[in-house]
PDB file of N, CA and C in Angstrom:
ATOM      1  N   MET A   1     -24.056 143.138  18.761  1.00  0.00           N
ATOM      2  CA  MET A   1     -23.076 142.708  17.053  1.00  0.00           C
ATOM      3  C   MET A   1     -23.273 141.411  17.319  1.00  0.00           C
ATOM      4  N   GLU A   2     -23.435 140.734  16.052  1.00  0.00           N
ATOM      5  CA  GLU A   2     -23.466 139.355  15.793  1.00  0.00           C
ATOM      6  C   GLU A   2     -21.715 139.157  15.217  1.00  0.00           C
ATOM      7  N   SER A   3     -21.194 137.910  15.592  1.00  0.00           N
ATOM      8  CA  SER A   3     -19.762 137.692  15.058  1.00  0.00           C
ATOM      9  C   SER A   3     -19.893 136.692  13.882  1.00  0.00           C
ATOM     10  N   VAL A   4     -18.903 137.298  12.556  1.00  0.00           N
ATOM     11  CA  VAL A   4     -19.298 136.444  11.284  1.00  0.00           C
ATOM     12  C   VAL A   4     -18.189 135.434  11.318  1.00  0.00           C
ATOM     13  N   HIS A   5     -18.581 134.029  10.789  1.00  0.00           N
ATOM     14  CA  HIS A   5     -17.609 133.129  10.795  1.00  0.00           C
ATOM     15  C   HIS A   5     -16.608 133.315   9.880  1.00  0.00           C
ATOM     16  N   GLY A   6     -15.168 132.934  10.275  1.00  0.00           N
ATOM     17  CA  GLY A   6     -14.042 133.300   9.117  1.00  0.00           C
ATOM     18  C   GLY A   6     -14.460 132.780   7.921  1.00  0.00           C
ATOM     19  N   HIS A   7     -15.198 131.632   7.877  1.00  0.00           N
ATOM     20  CA  HIS A   7     -15.223 130.756   6.253  1.00  0.00           C
ATOM     21  C   HIS A   7     -16.284 131.482   5.556  1.00  0.00           C
ATOM     22  N   ASN A   8     -17.090 132.816   6.128  1.00  0.00           N
ATOM     23  CA  ASN A   8     -17.866 133.643   5.195  1.00  0.00           C
ATOM     24  C   ASN A   8     -16.935 134.266   4.486  1.00  0.00           C
ATOM     25  N   VAL A   9     -15.766 134.679   4.996  1.00  0.00           N
ATOM     26  CA  VAL A   9     -14.681 135.588   4.402  1.00  0.00           C
ATOM     27  C   VAL A   9     -14.046 135.075   3.743  1.00  0.00           C
ATOM     28  N   LEU A  10     -13.656 133.527   3.917  1.00  0.00           N
ATOM     29  CA  LEU A  10     -12.794 132.910   3.158  1.00  0.00           C
ATOM     30  C   LEU A  10     -13.618 132.574   1.727  1.00  0.00           C
ATOM     31  N   ASN A  11     -14.765 132.397   1.836  1.00  0.00           N
ATOM     32  CA  ASN A  11     -15.669 132.337   0.704  1.00  0.00           C
ATOM     33  C   ASN A  11     -15.741 133.759  -0.110  1.00  0.00           C
ATOM     34  N   LEU A  12     -15.652 134.740   0.658  1.00  0.00           N
ATOM     35  CA  LEU A  12     -15.705 135.923  -0.372  1.00  0.00           C
ATOM     36  C   LEU A  12     -14.599 136.226  -1.101  1.00  0.00           C
ATOM     37  N   ILE A  13     -13.581 135.696  -0.424  1.00  0.00           N
ATOM     38  CA  ILE A  13     -12.103 136.066  -1.038  1.00  0.00           C
ATOM     39  C   ILE A  13     -12.147 135.018  -2.147  1.00  0.00           C
ATOM     40  N   LYS A  14     -12.368 133.734  -1.713  1.00  0.00           N
ATOM     41  CA  LYS A  14     -12.338 132.668  -2.926  1.00  0.00           C
ATOM     42  C   LYS A  14     -13.277 133.042  -4.218  1.00  0.00           C
ATOM     43  N   GLU A  15     -14.419 134.214  -4.217  1.00  0.00           N
ATOM     44  CA  GLU A  15     -15.226 134.374  -5.041  1.00  0.00           C
ATOM     45  C   GLU A  15     -14.333 135.582  -6.001  1.00  0.00           C
ATOM     46  N   GLN A  16     -13.314 136.160  -5.498  1.00  0.00           N
ATOM     47  CA  GLN A  16     -12.900 137.414  -5.914  1.00  0.00           C
ATOM     48  C   GLN A  16     -11.982 136.820  -7.297  1.00  0.00           C
ATOM     49  N   GLU A  17     -12.089 137.448  -8.332  1.00  0.00           N
ATOM     50  CA  GLU A  17     -11.520 136.851  -9.690  1.00  0.00           C
ATOM     51  C   GLU A  17      -9.944 137.496  -9.764  1.00  0.00           C
ATOM     52  N   VAL A  18      -9.600 138.479  -9.006  1.00  0.00           N
ATOM     53  CA  VAL A  18      -8.281 138.739  -8.985  1.00  0.00           C
ATOM     54  C   VAL A  18      -7.728 139.103  -7.457  1.00  0.00           C
ATOM     55  N   SER A  19      -6.106 139.021  -7.450  1.00  0.00           N
ATOM     56  CA  SER A  19      -5.899 139.136  -6.010  1.00  0.00           C
ATOM     57  C   SER A  19      -6.149 140.801  -5.831  1.00  0.00           C
ATOM     58  N   LEU A  20      -6.342 140.841  -4.381  1.00  0.00           N
ATOM     59  CA  LEU A  20      -6.427 142.419  -3.715  1.00  0.00           C
ATOM     60  C   LEU A  20      -5.203 142.531  -3.151  1.00  0.00           C
ATOM     61  N   SER A  21      -4.812 143.794  -2.813  1.00  0.00           N
ATOM     62  CA  SER A  21      -3.850 144.190  -1.765  1.00  0.00           C
ATOM     63  C   SER A  21      -4.469 143.944  -0.402  1.00  0.00           C
ATOM     64  N   LYS A  22      -3.777 143.936   0.322  1.00  0.00           N
ATOM     65  CA  LYS A  22      -4.466 143.773   2.299  1.00  0.00           C
ATOM     66  C   LYS A  22      -5.720 144.824   2.146  1.00  0.00           C
ATOM     67  N   GLU A  23      -5.096 145.998   1.841  1.00  0.00           N
ATOM     68  CA  GLU A  23      -5.839 147.094   2.135  1.00  0.00           C
ATOM     69  C   GLU A  23      -7.024 146.966   1.411  1.00  0.00           C
ATOM     70  N   ALA A  24      -6.960 146.733   0.204  1.00  0.00           N
ATOM     71  CA  ALA A  24      -8.214 146.498  -0.444  1.00  0.00           C
ATOM     72  C   ALA A  24      -9.447 145.576  -0.283  1.00  0.00           C
ATOM     73  N   LEU A  25      -8.493 144.358   0.212  1.00  0.00           N
ATOM     74  CA  LEU A  25      -9.096 143.251   0.846  1.00  0.00           C
ATOM     75  C   LEU A  25     -10.031 143.563   1.883  1.00  0.00           C
ATOM     76  N   LEU A  26      -9.084 144.246   2.716  1.00  0.00           N
ATOM     77  CA  LEU A  26     -10.071 144.808   4.255  1.00  0.00           C
ATOM     78  C   LEU A  26     -11.171 145.722   3.971  1.00  0.00           C
ATOM     79  N   THR A  27     -10.880 146.624   2.951  1.00  0.00           N
ATOM     80  CA  THR A  27     -12.109 147.257   2.218  1.00  0.00           C
ATOM     81  C   THR A  27     -13.356 146.651   1.683  1.00  0.00           C
ATOM     82  N   ARG A  28     -12.753 145.483   0.996  1.00  0.00           N
ATOM     83  CA  ARG A  28     -13.722 144.548   0.767  1.00  0.00           C
ATOM     84  C   ARG A  28     -14.786 143.657   1.812  1.00  0.00           C
ATOM     85  N   ILE A  29     -14.154 143.440   2.583  1.00  0.00           N
ATOM     86  CA  ILE A  29     -14.453 142.767   3.938  1.00  0.00           C
ATOM     87  C   ILE A  29     -15.453 143.490   4.712  1.00  0.00           C
ATOM     88  N   SER A  30     -14.777 145.145   4.577  1.00  0.00           N
ATOM     89  CA  SER A  30     -15.863 145.854   5.529  1.00  0.00           C
ATOM     90  C   SER A  30     -17.065 146.552   4.664  1.00  0.00           C
ATOM     91  N   ALA A  31     -16.969 146.314   3.392  1.00  0.00           N
ATOM     92  CA  ALA A  31     -18.129 146.496   2.890  1.00  0.00           C
ATOM     93  C   ALA A  31     -19.271 145.611   2.680  1.00  0.00           C
ATOM     94  N   GLU A  32     -18.828 144.538   2.977  1.00  0.00           N
ATOM     95  CA  GLU A  32     -19.734 143.120   2.882  1.00  0.00           C
ATOM     96  C   GLU A  32     -20.433 142.791   4.406  1.00  0.00           C
ATOM     97  N   PHE A  33     -19.480 143.029   5.008  1.00  0.00           N
ATOM     98  CA  PHE A  33     -19.701 142.487   6.697  1.00  0.00           C
ATOM     99  C   PHE A  33     -20.230 143.799   7.693  1.00  0.00           C
ATOM    100  N   GLY A  34     -19.728 145.164   7.182  1.00  0.00           N
ATOM    101  CA  GLY A  34     -19.610 146.364   7.967  1.00  0.00           C
ATOM    102  C   GLY A  34     -18.400 146.442   8.738  1.00  0.00           C
ATOM    103  N   LYS A  35     -18.197 147.890   8.868  1.00  0.00           N
ATOM    104  CA  LYS A  35     -17.031 148.308   9.698  1.00  0.00           C
ATOM    105  C   LYS A  35     -16.820 147.766  11.281  1.00  0.00           C
ATOM    106  N   GLU A  36     -17.781 147.740  11.661  1.00  0.00           N
ATOM    107  CA  GLU A  36     -17.668 147.227  13.110  1.00  0.00           C
ATOM    108  C   GLU A  36     -17.622 146.054  13.397  1.00  0.00           C
ATOM    109  N   ALA A  37     -17.641 145.080  12.427  1.00  0.00           N
ATOM    110  CA  ALA A  37     -17.908 143.420  12.698  1.00  0.00           C
ATOM    111  C   ALA A  37     -16.756 142.679  13.155  1.00  0.00           C
ATOM    112  N   ARG A  38     -16.885 141.979  13.953  1.00  0.00           N
ATOM    113  CA  ARG A  38     -16.130 141.152  14.542  1.00  0.00           C
ATOM    114  C   ARG A  38     -16.153 139.739  14.033  1.00  0.00           C
ATOM    115  N   TYR A  39     -15.193 138.912  14.038  1.00  0.00           N
ATOM    116  CA  TYR A  39     -14.996 137.578  13.504  1.00  0.00           C
ATOM    117  C   TYR A  39     -14.551 136.442  14.284  1.00  0.00           C
ATOM    118  N   HIS A  40     -14.958 135.112  14.006  1.00  0.00           N
ATOM    119  CA  HIS A  40     -14.531 134.079  14.789  1.00  0.00           C
ATOM    120  C   HIS A  40     -14.124 132.878  13.823  1.00  0.00           C
ATOM    121  N   THR A  41     -13.299 132.056  14.527  1.00  0.00           N
ATOM    122  CA  THR A  41     -13.134 130.845  13.894  1.00  0.00           C
ATOM    123  C   THR A  41     -13.192 129.685  14.842  1.00  0.00           C
ATOM    124  N   CYS A  42     -12.752 128.611  14.308  1.00  0.00           N
ATOM    125  CA  CYS A  42     -13.246 127.399  15.307  1.00  0.00           C
ATOM    126  C   CYS A  42     -12.300 127.506  16.584  1.00  0.00           C
ATOM    127  N   SER A  43     -11.061 128.233  16.267  1.00  0.00           N
ATOM    128  CA  SER A  43     -10.178 128.651  17.481  1.00  0.00           C
ATOM    129  C   SER A  43     -10.179 129.609  17.871  1.00  0.00           C
ATOM    130  N   SER A  44     -10.244 131.102  17.417  1.00  0.00           N
ATOM    131  CA  SER A  44     -10.419 132.418  17.897  1.00  0.00           C
ATOM    132  C   SER A  44     -11.565 133.064  17.908  1.00  0.00           C
ATOM    133  N   ARG A  45     -11.877 134.222  18.600  1.00  0.00           N
ATOM    134  CA  ARG A  45     -12.983 135.017  18.808  1.00  0.00           C
ATOM    135  C   ARG A  45     -12.926 136.187  18.812  1.00  0.00           C
ATOM    136  N   GLU A  46     -13.597 137.039  18.626  1.00  0.00           N
ATOM    137  CA  GLU A  46     -13.480 138.691  18.663  1.00  0.00           C
ATOM    138  C   GLU A  46     -12.515 139.058  17.801  1.00  0.00           C
ATOM    139  N   LEU A  47     -12.352 138.809  16.525  1.00  0.00           N
ATOM    140  CA  LEU A  47     -11.163 139.038  15.699  1.00  0.00           C
ATOM    141  C   LEU A  47     -11.744 140.313  14.990  1.00  0.00           C
ATOM    142  N   THR A  48     -10.710 141.193  14.553  1.00  0.00           N
ATOM    143  CA  THR A  48     -10.882 142.299  14.045  1.00  0.00           C
ATOM    144  C   THR A  48     -10.428 141.688  12.178  1.00  0.00           C
ATOM    145  N   ALA A  49     -10.992 142.207  11.214  1.00  0.00           N
ATOM    146  CA  ALA A  49     -10.784 141.536   9.693  1.00  0.00           C
ATOM    147  C   ALA A  49      -9.452 141.599   9.813  1.00  0.00           C
ATOM    148  N   GLU A  50      -8.622 142.333   9.921  1.00  0.00           N
ATOM    149  CA  GLU A  50      -7.120 142.434   9.792  1.00  0.00           C
ATOM    150  C   GLU A  50      -6.461 141.368  10.430  1.00  0.00           C
ATOM    151  N   GLU A  51      -7.004 141.136  11.556  1.00  0.00           N
ATOM    152  CA  GLU A  51      -6.365 139.669  12.534  1.00  0.00           C
ATOM    153  C   GLU A  51      -6.889 138.680  12.071  1.00  0.00           C
ATOM    154  N   LEU A  52      -8.086 138.639  11.238  1.00  0.00           N
ATOM    155  CA  LEU A  52      -8.320 137.565  10.667  1.00  0.00           C
ATOM    156  C   LEU A  52      -7.749 136.890   9.376  1.00  0.00           C
ATOM    157  N   VAL A  53      -7.816 138.354   8.921  1.00  0.00           N
ATOM    158  CA  VAL A  53      -6.924 137.911   7.278  1.00  0.00           C
ATOM    159  C   VAL A  53      -5.390 137.394   7.523  1.00  0.00           C
ATOM    160  N   ASP A  54      -4.802 138.063   8.589  1.00  0.00           N
ATOM    161  CA  ASP A  54      -3.251 137.441   9.421  1.00  0.00           C
ATOM    162  C   ASP A  54      -3.202 135.921   9.805  1.00  0.00           C
ATOM    163  N   GLN A  55      -4.443 135.806  10.344  1.00  0.00           N
ATOM    164  CA  GLN A  55      -4.300 134.509  10.821  1.00  0.00           C
ATOM    165  C   GLN A  55      -4.302 133.427   9.758  1.00  0.00           C
ATOM    166  N   PHE A  56      -5.414 133.655   8.938  1.00  0.00           N
ATOM    167  CA  PHE A  56      -5.726 133.000   7.417  1.00  0.00           C
ATOM    168  C   PHE A  56      -4.252 132.905   7.061  1.00  0.00           C
ATOM    169  N   ILE A  57      -3.461 134.072   6.843  1.00  0.00           N
ATOM    170  CA  ILE A  57      -1.978 133.721   6.019  1.00  0.00           C
ATOM    171  C   ILE A  57      -1.353 132.915   6.986  1.00  0.00           C
ATOM    172  N   GLY A  58      -0.944 133.296   8.282  1.00  0.00           N
ATOM    173  CA  GLY A  58      -0.179 132.319   9.008  1.00  0.00           C
ATOM    174  C   GLY A  58      -0.821 130.848   8.855  1.00  0.00           C
ATOM    175  N   LYS A  59      -2.112 130.480   8.591  1.00  0.00           N
ATOM    176  CA  LYS A  59      -2.596 129.239   8.841  1.00  0.00           C
ATOM    177  C   LYS A  59      -2.045 128.957   7.429  1.00  0.00           C
ATOM    178  N   GLY A  60      -1.812 129.190   6.190  1.00  0.00           N
ATOM    179  CA  GLY A  60      -1.880 128.673   4.670  1.00  0.00           C
ATOM    180  C   GLY A  60      -3.033 128.838   4.018  1.00  0.00           C
ATOM    181  N   LYS A  61      -3.842 129.280   4.902  1.00  0.00           N
ATOM    182  CA  LYS A  61      -5.489 129.488   3.812  1.00  0.00           C
ATOM    183  C   LYS A  61      -5.465 130.417   3.009  1.00  0.00           C
ATOM    184  N   LEU A  62      -4.842 131.648   3.071  1.00  0.00           N
ATOM    185  CA  LEU A  62      -4.432 132.696   2.353  1.00  0.00           C
ATOM    186  C   LEU A  62      -3.445 132.845   1.683  1.00  0.00           C
ATOM    187  N   ILE A  63      -2.757 133.229   0.475  1.00  0.00           N
ATOM    188  CA  ILE A  63      -1.115 133.506   0.500  1.00  0.00           C
ATOM    189  C   ILE A  63      -1.010 134.800  -0.004  1.00  0.00           C
ATOM    190  N   GLU A  64      -0.226 135.605   0.293  1.00  0.00           N
ATOM    191  CA  GLU A  64       0.205 136.679  -0.070  1.00  0.00           C
ATOM    192  C   GLU A  64       1.610 137.001  -0.971  1.00  0.00           C
ATOM    193  N   THR A  65       1.073 137.469  -2.120  1.00  0.00           N
ATOM    194  CA  THR A  65       2.218 137.610  -2.960  1.00  0.00           C
ATOM    195  C   THR A  65       2.744 138.848  -3.576  1.00  0.00           C
ATOM    196  N   GLY A  66       3.529 139.369  -4.396  1.00  0.00           N
ATOM    197  CA  GLY A  66       3.750 140.568  -4.754  1.00  0.00           C
ATOM    198  C   GLY A  66       2.393 141.253  -5.353  1.00  0.00           C
ATOM    199  N   GLU A  67       1.586 140.127  -6.032  1.00  0.00           N
ATOM    200  CA  GLU A  67       0.405 140.740  -6.885  1.00  0.00           C
ATOM    201  C   GLU A  67      -0.710 141.163  -5.629  1.00  0.00           C
ATOM    202  N   GLY A  68      -0.943 140.653  -4.624  1.00  0.00           N
ATOM    203  CA  GLY A  68      -1.769 140.488  -3.410  1.00  0.00           C
ATOM    204  C   GLY A  68      -2.277 139.066  -2.865  1.00  0.00           C
ATOM    205  N   ILE A  69      -3.152 139.083  -2.028  1.00  0.00           N
ATOM    206  CA  ILE A  69      -3.671 138.189  -1.562  1.00  0.00           C
ATOM    207  C   ILE A  69      -4.547 137.118  -2.273  1.00  0.00           C
ATOM    208  N   GLN A  70      -4.616 136.131  -1.824  1.00  0.00           N
ATOM    209  CA  GLN A  70      -5.037 135.061  -2.917  1.00  0.00           C
ATOM    210  C   GLN A  70      -5.421 133.837  -1.822  1.00  0.00           C
ATOM    211  N   TYR A  71      -6.787 133.358  -2.494  1.00  0.00           N
ATOM    212  CA  TYR A  71      -7.295 132.145  -1.609  1.00  0.00           C
ATOM    213  C   TYR A  71      -6.642 131.091  -1.882  1.00  0.00           C
ATOM    214  N   LYS A  72      -5.946 130.086  -0.712  1.00  0.00           N
ATOM    215  CA  LYS A  72      -5.484 129.150  -1.369  1.00  0.00           C
ATOM    216  C   LYS A  72      -5.991 127.888  -0.794  1.00  0.00           C
ATOM    217  N   GLY A  73      -6.686 127.792   0.085  1.00  0.00           N
ATOM    218  CA  GLY A  73      -7.729 126.392   0.625  1.00  0.00           C
ATOM    219  C   GLY A  73      -8.215 126.479   1.880  1.00  0.00           C
ATOM    220  N   CYS A  74      -8.801 125.439   2.043  1.00  0.00           N
ATOM    221  CA  CYS A  74      -8.753 125.469   3.633  1.00  0.00           C
ATOM    222  C   CYS A  74      -9.105 123.707   3.719  1.00  0.00           C
ATOM    223  N   ASN A  75      -8.276 123.416   4.504  1.00  0.00           N
ATOM    224  CA  ASN A  75      -8.323 121.931   5.107  1.00  0.00           C
ATOM    225  C   ASN A  75      -9.383 121.565   6.258  1.00  0.00           C
ATOM    226  N   CYS A  76     -10.144 122.660   6.255  1.00  0.00           N
ATOM    227  CA  CYS A  76     -11.067 122.079   7.310  1.00  0.00           C
ATOM    228  C   CYS A  76     -12.322 121.445   6.999  1.00  0.00           C
ATOM    229  N   HIS A  77     -12.289 120.585   7.865  1.00  0.00           N
ATOM    230  CA  HIS A  77     -13.869 119.698   7.694  1.00  0.00           C
ATOM    231  C   HIS A  77     -14.936 120.070   8.457  1.00  0.00           C
ATOM    232  N   CYS A  78     -15.042 121.156   9.175  1.00  0.00           N
ATOM    233  CA  CYS A  78     -15.786 121.109  10.318  1.00  0.00           C
ATOM    234  C   CYS A  78     -17.206 121.999   9.878  1.00  0.00           C
ATOM    235  N   HIS A  79     -16.897 122.722   8.340  1.00  0.00           N
ATOM    236  CA  HIS A  79     -17.841 123.480   8.186  1.00  0.00           C
ATOM    237  C   HIS A  79     -18.452 123.143   6.496  1.00  0.00           C
TER     238      HIS A  79
END
């Protein structure tokens, strides 16, 4: 199974026109990349979709509000 780069997930979230709950976002990611997909970033490997989303929230690339999860931005210039 090929690993999906986290930036592909960020781009998917960025394209969403509305905030999604974490559950809805994970469902959307699964529909796009597959239920068994694993993800990687420059610093992490073999992440589940939930671990990836949590990591992006922790790093401030995504924000979680009462309305759902939103793309905030990415300062990474490696991609």
